[in-house]
N, C-alpha and C. Protein backbone atom coordinates (compact mmCIF):
# COMPACT_ATOMS: atom_id res chain seq x y z
N UNK A 1 -0.91 -23.46 -26.95
CA UNK A 1 0.10 -23.75 -25.90
C UNK A 1 1.12 -22.66 -25.86
N UNK A 2 1.47 -22.27 -24.68
CA UNK A 2 2.42 -21.19 -24.47
C UNK A 2 3.81 -21.69 -24.55
N UNK A 3 4.61 -21.03 -25.38
CA UNK A 3 6.02 -21.40 -25.54
C UNK A 3 6.85 -20.49 -24.62
N UNK A 4 7.35 -21.08 -23.52
CA UNK A 4 8.11 -20.27 -22.56
C UNK A 4 9.42 -19.77 -23.11
N UNK A 5 9.98 -20.48 -24.01
CA UNK A 5 11.24 -20.03 -24.59
C UNK A 5 11.13 -18.85 -25.50
N UNK A 6 9.94 -18.52 -25.95
CA UNK A 6 9.71 -17.44 -26.89
C UNK A 6 9.64 -16.11 -26.14
N UNK A 7 10.24 -15.06 -26.69
CA UNK A 7 10.19 -13.76 -26.07
C UNK A 7 9.25 -12.87 -26.85
N UNK A 8 8.54 -12.04 -26.13
CA UNK A 8 7.61 -11.07 -26.77
C UNK A 8 8.36 -9.89 -27.31
N UNK A 9 7.67 -9.07 -28.08
CA UNK A 9 8.30 -7.88 -28.67
C UNK A 9 8.81 -6.91 -27.59
N UNK A 10 8.00 -6.70 -26.55
CA UNK A 10 8.40 -5.73 -25.52
C UNK A 10 9.43 -6.28 -24.55
N UNK A 11 9.72 -7.59 -24.64
CA UNK A 11 10.75 -8.18 -23.74
C UNK A 11 12.13 -8.05 -24.29
N UNK A 12 12.25 -7.69 -25.55
CA UNK A 12 13.53 -7.57 -26.19
C UNK A 12 14.20 -6.25 -25.73
N UNK A 13 15.52 -6.30 -25.53
CA UNK A 13 16.18 -5.08 -25.17
C UNK A 13 16.22 -4.11 -26.39
N UNK A 14 16.10 -2.79 -26.07
CA UNK A 14 16.13 -1.81 -27.17
C UNK A 14 17.50 -1.71 -27.77
N UNK A 15 17.60 -1.65 -29.08
CA UNK A 15 18.91 -1.45 -29.71
C UNK A 15 19.53 -0.12 -29.25
N UNK A 16 20.85 -0.06 -29.00
CA UNK A 16 21.42 1.15 -28.47
C UNK A 16 21.40 2.31 -29.43
N UNK A 17 21.28 2.09 -30.73
CA UNK A 17 21.31 3.21 -31.67
C UNK A 17 19.94 3.80 -31.98
N UNK A 18 18.90 3.33 -31.32
CA UNK A 18 17.58 3.91 -31.50
C UNK A 18 17.16 4.67 -30.25
N UNK A 19 17.27 6.01 -30.22
CA UNK A 19 16.92 6.74 -29.00
C UNK A 19 15.44 6.75 -28.69
N UNK A 20 14.56 6.44 -29.65
CA UNK A 20 13.15 6.49 -29.41
C UNK A 20 12.61 5.15 -28.96
N UNK A 21 13.45 4.08 -28.90
CA UNK A 21 13.00 2.79 -28.46
C UNK A 21 12.64 2.79 -27.00
N UNK A 22 11.56 2.07 -26.66
CA UNK A 22 11.07 2.05 -25.29
C UNK A 22 11.49 0.77 -24.58
N UNK A 23 12.04 0.91 -23.39
CA UNK A 23 12.39 -0.25 -22.56
C UNK A 23 11.10 -0.91 -22.08
N UNK A 24 11.06 -2.22 -21.98
CA UNK A 24 9.83 -2.88 -21.58
C UNK A 24 9.38 -2.57 -20.19
N UNK A 25 10.34 -2.35 -19.27
CA UNK A 25 9.92 -1.95 -17.91
C UNK A 25 9.22 -0.62 -17.86
N UNK A 26 9.67 0.35 -18.68
CA UNK A 26 8.98 1.63 -18.74
C UNK A 26 7.59 1.46 -19.33
N UNK A 27 7.46 0.62 -20.34
CA UNK A 27 6.19 0.36 -20.96
C UNK A 27 5.23 -0.30 -19.95
N UNK A 28 5.73 -1.26 -19.20
CA UNK A 28 4.90 -1.90 -18.18
C UNK A 28 4.49 -0.94 -17.08
N UNK A 29 5.33 0.02 -16.71
CA UNK A 29 5.00 1.00 -15.69
C UNK A 29 3.90 1.91 -16.18
N UNK A 30 3.96 2.29 -17.45
CA UNK A 30 2.91 3.18 -17.96
C UNK A 30 1.59 2.44 -18.05
N UNK A 31 1.63 1.15 -18.47
CA UNK A 31 0.38 0.37 -18.49
C UNK A 31 -0.19 0.16 -17.12
N UNK A 32 0.65 -0.11 -16.14
CA UNK A 32 0.13 -0.32 -14.78
C UNK A 32 -0.45 0.98 -14.23
N UNK A 33 0.11 2.15 -14.60
CA UNK A 33 -0.44 3.42 -14.16
C UNK A 33 -1.81 3.68 -14.81
N UNK A 34 -2.02 3.21 -16.00
CA UNK A 34 -3.31 3.41 -16.71
C UNK A 34 -4.37 2.48 -16.17
N UNK A 35 -4.07 1.23 -15.96
CA UNK A 35 -5.08 0.23 -15.72
C UNK A 35 -5.23 -0.31 -14.29
N UNK A 36 -4.24 -0.02 -13.42
CA UNK A 36 -4.37 -0.57 -12.03
C UNK A 36 -4.41 0.56 -11.03
N UNK A 37 -5.33 0.47 -10.08
CA UNK A 37 -5.44 1.46 -9.03
C UNK A 37 -4.85 0.98 -7.73
N UNK A 38 -4.69 -0.39 -7.59
CA UNK A 38 -4.29 -0.96 -6.31
C UNK A 38 -2.78 -0.90 -6.12
N UNK A 39 -1.99 -0.61 -7.19
CA UNK A 39 -0.53 -0.54 -7.03
C UNK A 39 -0.05 0.88 -6.98
N UNK A 40 -0.84 1.81 -6.59
CA UNK A 40 -0.47 3.22 -6.54
C UNK A 40 -1.47 4.04 -7.31
N UNK A 41 -1.14 5.28 -7.51
CA UNK A 41 -2.06 6.19 -8.19
C UNK A 41 -2.08 5.98 -9.69
N UNK A 42 -3.22 6.01 -10.31
CA UNK A 42 -3.35 5.90 -11.75
C UNK A 42 -3.01 7.27 -12.35
N UNK A 43 -2.88 7.30 -13.72
CA UNK A 43 -2.56 8.59 -14.39
C UNK A 43 -3.68 9.61 -14.12
N UNK A 44 -4.95 9.13 -14.19
CA UNK A 44 -6.06 10.05 -13.95
C UNK A 44 -6.02 10.64 -12.53
N UNK A 45 -5.70 9.80 -11.57
CA UNK A 45 -5.56 10.29 -10.19
C UNK A 45 -4.46 11.27 -10.06
N UNK A 46 -3.30 10.99 -10.66
CA UNK A 46 -2.19 11.92 -10.61
C UNK A 46 -2.52 13.27 -11.27
N UNK A 47 -3.25 13.22 -12.37
CA UNK A 47 -3.67 14.43 -13.01
C UNK A 47 -4.59 15.27 -12.13
N UNK A 48 -5.59 14.61 -11.51
CA UNK A 48 -6.51 15.31 -10.59
C UNK A 48 -5.81 15.87 -9.42
N UNK A 49 -4.91 15.12 -8.84
CA UNK A 49 -4.16 15.56 -7.64
C UNK A 49 -3.23 16.77 -8.02
N UNK A 50 -2.64 16.67 -9.20
CA UNK A 50 -1.79 17.79 -9.61
C UNK A 50 -2.55 19.04 -9.86
N UNK A 51 -3.79 18.88 -10.28
CA UNK A 51 -4.67 20.08 -10.55
C UNK A 51 -5.34 20.61 -9.32
N UNK A 52 -5.80 19.75 -8.44
CA UNK A 52 -6.67 20.19 -7.32
C UNK A 52 -6.04 19.99 -5.95
N UNK A 53 -4.95 19.24 -5.84
CA UNK A 53 -4.46 18.93 -4.53
C UNK A 53 -3.13 19.68 -4.19
N UNK A 54 -2.89 19.79 -2.91
CA UNK A 54 -1.65 20.40 -2.43
C UNK A 54 -1.03 19.43 -1.43
N UNK A 55 0.22 19.04 -1.73
CA UNK A 55 0.91 18.07 -0.87
C UNK A 55 1.16 18.74 0.48
N UNK A 56 0.78 18.04 1.55
CA UNK A 56 0.98 18.57 2.87
C UNK A 56 2.00 17.74 3.70
N UNK A 57 2.28 16.54 3.27
CA UNK A 57 3.23 15.72 3.99
C UNK A 57 3.35 14.31 3.49
N UNK A 58 4.35 13.67 3.98
CA UNK A 58 4.67 12.27 3.67
C UNK A 58 4.96 11.50 4.96
N UNK A 59 4.52 10.27 5.06
CA UNK A 59 4.82 9.46 6.28
C UNK A 59 6.00 8.54 6.05
N UNK A 60 6.32 7.74 7.06
CA UNK A 60 7.46 6.86 7.03
C UNK A 60 7.27 5.68 6.04
N UNK A 61 6.04 5.45 5.61
CA UNK A 61 5.81 4.36 4.61
C UNK A 61 5.82 4.88 3.16
N UNK A 62 6.02 6.18 3.01
CA UNK A 62 6.05 6.77 1.65
C UNK A 62 4.69 7.23 1.14
N UNK A 63 3.67 7.12 1.96
CA UNK A 63 2.34 7.60 1.56
C UNK A 63 2.34 9.14 1.53
N UNK A 64 1.68 9.72 0.54
CA UNK A 64 1.63 11.16 0.40
C UNK A 64 0.22 11.66 0.77
N UNK A 65 0.16 12.76 1.52
CA UNK A 65 -1.10 13.27 2.02
C UNK A 65 -1.36 14.64 1.36
N UNK A 66 -2.64 14.83 0.93
CA UNK A 66 -3.00 15.99 0.19
C UNK A 66 -4.20 16.70 0.82
N UNK A 67 -4.32 17.98 0.52
CA UNK A 67 -5.55 18.71 0.93
C UNK A 67 -5.88 19.52 -0.31
N UNK A 68 -7.24 19.74 -0.50
CA UNK A 68 -7.69 20.45 -1.70
C UNK A 68 -7.20 21.90 -1.66
N UNK A 69 -6.72 22.40 -2.80
CA UNK A 69 -6.25 23.77 -2.83
C UNK A 69 -7.38 24.75 -3.21
N UNK A 70 -8.38 24.25 -3.87
CA UNK A 70 -9.55 25.13 -4.17
C UNK A 70 -10.47 25.10 -2.95
N UNK A 71 -11.45 25.88 -2.96
CA UNK A 71 -12.38 26.17 -1.82
C UNK A 71 -12.72 24.94 -0.94
N UNK A 72 -13.74 25.15 -0.14
CA UNK A 72 -14.12 24.13 0.84
C UNK A 72 -15.13 23.17 0.20
N UNK A 73 -15.28 22.04 0.88
CA UNK A 73 -16.20 21.02 0.42
C UNK A 73 -17.64 21.37 0.85
N UNK A 74 -18.54 20.42 0.63
CA UNK A 74 -19.96 20.66 1.02
C UNK A 74 -20.13 20.78 2.50
N UNK A 75 -19.25 20.24 3.30
CA UNK A 75 -19.42 20.35 4.77
C UNK A 75 -18.62 21.49 5.38
N UNK A 76 -18.08 22.35 4.56
CA UNK A 76 -17.35 23.51 5.06
C UNK A 76 -15.89 23.32 5.38
N UNK A 77 -15.32 22.10 5.05
CA UNK A 77 -13.93 21.81 5.32
C UNK A 77 -13.23 21.46 3.99
N UNK A 78 -11.91 21.67 3.98
CA UNK A 78 -11.14 21.30 2.78
C UNK A 78 -11.03 19.76 2.75
N UNK A 79 -11.12 19.23 1.57
CA UNK A 79 -11.06 17.77 1.41
C UNK A 79 -9.65 17.30 1.60
N UNK A 80 -9.49 16.13 2.27
CA UNK A 80 -8.16 15.54 2.52
C UNK A 80 -8.12 14.12 2.00
N UNK A 81 -6.96 13.68 1.52
CA UNK A 81 -6.87 12.30 1.04
C UNK A 81 -5.39 11.87 1.05
N UNK A 82 -5.23 10.56 0.86
CA UNK A 82 -3.90 9.94 0.85
C UNK A 82 -3.72 9.22 -0.45
N UNK A 83 -2.47 9.30 -0.99
CA UNK A 83 -2.08 8.47 -2.12
C UNK A 83 -1.07 7.45 -1.58
N UNK A 84 -1.41 6.18 -1.60
CA UNK A 84 -0.55 5.16 -1.02
C UNK A 84 0.66 4.95 -1.85
N UNK A 85 1.77 4.61 -1.19
CA UNK A 85 2.99 4.22 -1.88
C UNK A 85 2.89 2.72 -2.09
N UNK A 86 2.71 2.30 -3.33
CA UNK A 86 2.56 0.89 -3.61
C UNK A 86 1.11 0.43 -3.43
N UNK A 87 0.97 -0.77 -2.87
CA UNK A 87 -0.34 -1.39 -2.72
C UNK A 87 -1.25 -0.56 -1.82
N UNK A 88 -2.50 -0.37 -2.27
CA UNK A 88 -3.47 0.41 -1.51
C UNK A 88 -3.94 -0.42 -0.30
N UNK A 89 -3.46 -0.09 0.88
CA UNK A 89 -3.83 -0.78 2.11
C UNK A 89 -4.05 0.30 3.19
N UNK A 90 -5.27 0.42 3.66
CA UNK A 90 -5.64 1.45 4.60
C UNK A 90 -4.88 1.36 5.92
N UNK A 91 -4.45 0.18 6.30
CA UNK A 91 -3.73 0.10 7.56
C UNK A 91 -2.32 0.58 7.47
N UNK A 92 -1.86 1.01 6.27
CA UNK A 92 -0.53 1.57 6.10
C UNK A 92 -0.50 3.03 6.59
N UNK A 93 -1.65 3.59 6.92
CA UNK A 93 -1.73 4.97 7.43
C UNK A 93 -1.50 4.98 8.96
N UNK A 94 -0.43 5.64 9.38
CA UNK A 94 -0.15 5.71 10.84
C UNK A 94 -1.24 6.46 11.56
N UNK A 95 -1.40 6.26 12.88
CA UNK A 95 -2.46 6.90 13.65
C UNK A 95 -2.48 8.42 13.60
N UNK A 96 -1.26 9.01 13.65
CA UNK A 96 -1.26 10.50 13.62
C UNK A 96 -1.79 11.03 12.34
N UNK A 97 -1.45 10.39 11.20
CA UNK A 97 -1.96 10.84 9.91
C UNK A 97 -3.45 10.47 9.77
N UNK A 98 -3.86 9.36 10.36
CA UNK A 98 -5.29 8.99 10.38
C UNK A 98 -6.11 10.07 11.08
N UNK A 99 -5.59 10.61 12.18
CA UNK A 99 -6.26 11.67 12.90
C UNK A 99 -6.38 12.93 12.02
N UNK A 100 -5.36 13.25 11.29
CA UNK A 100 -5.41 14.41 10.38
C UNK A 100 -6.43 14.18 9.27
N UNK A 101 -6.41 13.00 8.67
CA UNK A 101 -7.37 12.67 7.59
C UNK A 101 -8.81 12.81 8.04
N UNK A 102 -9.06 12.40 9.28
CA UNK A 102 -10.46 12.40 9.82
C UNK A 102 -10.82 13.66 10.52
N UNK A 103 -10.01 14.75 10.33
CA UNK A 103 -10.29 16.10 10.87
C UNK A 103 -10.24 16.13 12.38
N UNK A 104 -9.57 15.16 13.04
CA UNK A 104 -9.37 15.23 14.46
C UNK A 104 -8.37 16.32 14.81
N UNK A 105 -7.32 16.47 13.93
CA UNK A 105 -6.31 17.52 14.11
C UNK A 105 -6.33 18.47 12.96
N UNK A 106 -6.15 19.80 13.21
CA UNK A 106 -6.05 20.74 12.12
C UNK A 106 -4.65 20.75 11.52
N UNK A 107 -3.62 20.63 12.36
CA UNK A 107 -2.23 20.63 11.88
C UNK A 107 -1.81 19.24 11.49
N UNK A 108 -0.96 19.16 10.50
CA UNK A 108 -0.45 17.83 10.06
C UNK A 108 0.58 17.37 11.09
N UNK A 109 0.85 16.03 11.14
CA UNK A 109 1.90 15.55 12.02
C UNK A 109 3.26 16.13 11.68
N UNK A 110 3.48 16.54 10.44
CA UNK A 110 4.75 17.20 10.07
C UNK A 110 4.86 18.57 10.72
N UNK A 111 3.74 19.31 10.86
CA UNK A 111 3.77 20.61 11.48
C UNK A 111 3.79 20.54 13.01
N UNK A 112 3.07 19.59 13.52
CA UNK A 112 2.94 19.43 15.00
C UNK A 112 2.91 18.00 15.37
N UNK A 113 4.10 17.38 15.54
CA UNK A 113 4.14 15.93 15.85
C UNK A 113 3.45 15.68 17.22
N UNK A 114 2.81 14.48 17.26
CA UNK A 114 2.15 14.05 18.51
C UNK A 114 3.23 13.53 19.50
N UNK A 115 3.08 13.82 20.76
CA UNK A 115 4.04 13.26 21.75
C UNK A 115 3.89 11.74 21.82
N UNK A 116 5.04 11.08 21.88
CA UNK A 116 5.00 9.60 21.96
C UNK A 116 5.36 9.15 23.37
N UNK A 117 4.61 8.17 23.81
CA UNK A 117 4.92 7.59 25.10
C UNK A 117 5.98 6.51 25.01
N UNK A 118 6.67 6.23 26.09
CA UNK A 118 7.74 5.24 26.06
C UNK A 118 7.23 3.85 25.77
N UNK A 119 5.98 3.56 26.15
CA UNK A 119 5.42 2.24 25.92
C UNK A 119 4.78 2.03 24.55
N UNK A 120 4.69 3.06 23.75
CA UNK A 120 4.07 2.99 22.42
C UNK A 120 5.05 2.23 21.46
N UNK A 121 4.46 1.36 20.67
CA UNK A 121 5.22 0.66 19.59
C UNK A 121 5.08 1.41 18.27
N UNK A 122 5.99 1.15 17.37
CA UNK A 122 5.86 1.76 16.05
C UNK A 122 4.71 1.13 15.29
N UNK A 123 4.09 1.92 14.44
CA UNK A 123 2.94 1.46 13.68
C UNK A 123 3.37 0.45 12.63
N UNK A 124 2.63 -0.64 12.51
CA UNK A 124 2.82 -1.64 11.46
C UNK A 124 1.52 -1.86 10.73
N UNK A 125 1.57 -1.93 9.38
CA UNK A 125 0.33 -2.23 8.63
C UNK A 125 -0.09 -3.68 8.91
N UNK A 126 -1.35 -3.97 8.55
CA UNK A 126 -1.89 -5.30 8.67
C UNK A 126 -1.17 -6.20 7.69
N UNK A 127 -0.60 -7.30 8.15
CA UNK A 127 0.17 -8.18 7.25
C UNK A 127 -0.60 -9.42 6.87
N UNK A 128 -1.86 -9.51 7.26
CA UNK A 128 -2.69 -10.67 6.90
C UNK A 128 -2.75 -10.81 5.37
N UNK A 129 -2.53 -12.02 4.94
CA UNK A 129 -2.57 -12.34 3.47
C UNK A 129 -1.29 -12.06 2.78
N UNK A 130 -0.26 -11.68 3.51
CA UNK A 130 1.08 -11.43 2.92
C UNK A 130 2.04 -12.51 3.38
N UNK A 131 3.20 -12.64 2.72
CA UNK A 131 4.19 -13.62 3.24
C UNK A 131 4.70 -13.28 4.62
N UNK A 132 4.53 -12.03 5.07
CA UNK A 132 5.02 -11.66 6.42
C UNK A 132 3.98 -11.89 7.49
N UNK A 133 2.84 -12.43 7.17
CA UNK A 133 1.79 -12.67 8.15
C UNK A 133 2.23 -13.63 9.29
N UNK A 134 1.65 -13.46 10.43
CA UNK A 134 1.97 -14.33 11.57
C UNK A 134 1.31 -15.68 11.34
N UNK A 135 2.11 -16.75 11.47
CA UNK A 135 1.59 -18.10 11.39
C UNK A 135 1.98 -18.84 12.60
N UNK A 136 1.06 -18.93 13.58
CA UNK A 136 1.39 -19.64 14.85
C UNK A 136 1.64 -21.13 14.65
N UNK A 137 2.35 -21.70 15.58
CA UNK A 137 2.60 -23.10 15.55
C UNK A 137 1.28 -23.89 15.55
N UNK A 138 1.19 -24.82 14.63
CA UNK A 138 -0.06 -25.58 14.51
C UNK A 138 -0.92 -25.11 13.38
N UNK A 139 -0.61 -23.92 12.82
CA UNK A 139 -1.42 -23.40 11.73
C UNK A 139 -1.14 -24.16 10.45
N UNK A 140 -2.15 -24.36 9.64
CA UNK A 140 -1.94 -25.05 8.37
C UNK A 140 -0.99 -24.33 7.44
N UNK A 141 -0.92 -22.98 7.57
CA UNK A 141 -0.04 -22.19 6.74
C UNK A 141 1.41 -22.24 7.23
N UNK A 142 1.61 -22.62 8.48
CA UNK A 142 2.98 -22.66 9.00
C UNK A 142 3.69 -23.93 8.50
N UNK A 143 4.97 -23.75 8.30
CA UNK A 143 5.75 -24.92 7.88
C UNK A 143 6.14 -25.75 9.11
N UNK A 144 6.31 -26.99 8.91
CA UNK A 144 6.71 -27.86 10.00
C UNK A 144 5.59 -28.72 10.54
N UNK A 145 5.84 -29.34 11.66
CA UNK A 145 4.91 -30.28 12.26
C UNK A 145 3.93 -29.61 13.20
N UNK A 146 2.74 -30.14 13.27
CA UNK A 146 1.75 -29.68 14.23
C UNK A 146 2.15 -30.22 15.61
N UNK A 147 1.99 -29.44 16.67
CA UNK A 147 2.35 -29.90 18.00
C UNK A 147 1.52 -31.12 18.38
N UNK A 148 2.08 -32.00 19.12
CA UNK A 148 1.39 -33.20 19.56
C UNK A 148 0.27 -32.84 20.50
N UNK A 149 -0.83 -33.58 20.48
CA UNK A 149 -1.95 -33.31 21.37
C UNK A 149 -1.58 -33.73 22.80
N UNK A 150 -2.10 -33.06 23.75
CA UNK A 150 -1.81 -33.36 25.13
C UNK A 150 -2.59 -34.59 25.59
N UNK A 151 -2.30 -35.09 26.77
CA UNK A 151 -2.91 -36.33 27.25
C UNK A 151 -4.39 -36.20 27.60
N UNK A 152 -4.92 -34.99 27.67
CA UNK A 152 -6.32 -34.85 28.07
C UNK A 152 -7.25 -34.83 26.87
N UNK A 153 -6.70 -35.12 25.67
CA UNK A 153 -7.51 -35.16 24.49
C UNK A 153 -7.82 -36.57 24.12
N UNK A 154 -9.10 -36.90 23.84
CA UNK A 154 -9.46 -38.20 23.41
C UNK A 154 -10.20 -38.06 22.08
N UNK A 155 -9.69 -38.66 21.05
CA UNK A 155 -10.25 -38.56 19.73
C UNK A 155 -11.59 -39.27 19.63
N UNK A 156 -12.54 -38.73 18.91
CA UNK A 156 -13.85 -39.32 18.71
C UNK A 156 -13.72 -40.34 17.57
N UNK A 157 -14.33 -41.46 17.75
CA UNK A 157 -14.37 -42.45 16.65
C UNK A 157 -15.84 -42.98 16.53
N UNK A 158 -16.35 -43.01 15.35
CA UNK A 158 -17.72 -43.56 15.18
C UNK A 158 -17.75 -45.03 15.39
N UNK A 159 -18.78 -45.53 16.07
CA UNK A 159 -18.83 -46.97 16.37
C UNK A 159 -20.11 -47.55 15.80
């Protein structure tokens, strides 16, 4: 049985007179960098990017975009990739950066921004499965009452 009142070793604050003591949040950050890929780049990814990648830009969501600094790939083009800021969600990539990643544009949106039309909305990532997801009236996930059925509905009853 788990004792919730008990604190683990790494939950204790570091004594102020020990400069080598590790804060538990720093320890957790290092562990998450080693073992999780969905919350950002792992240590291995950061090492590879530092060795082979060149940062070409950052978008409004904090995603970082890279291009290989060594030669070309098997198809004759430099490899391009994105390191997500936080949770790895492909819909967090705005359309202009998506075009650069897919070799539609040679210049990055930072070098040559795309013209925006007055009717265009700002890019939003897919919020499905998050607390910010749209929950229309009548949805089981929405709070509150389901709207009443209209008069043209007749419930089926087995007889």
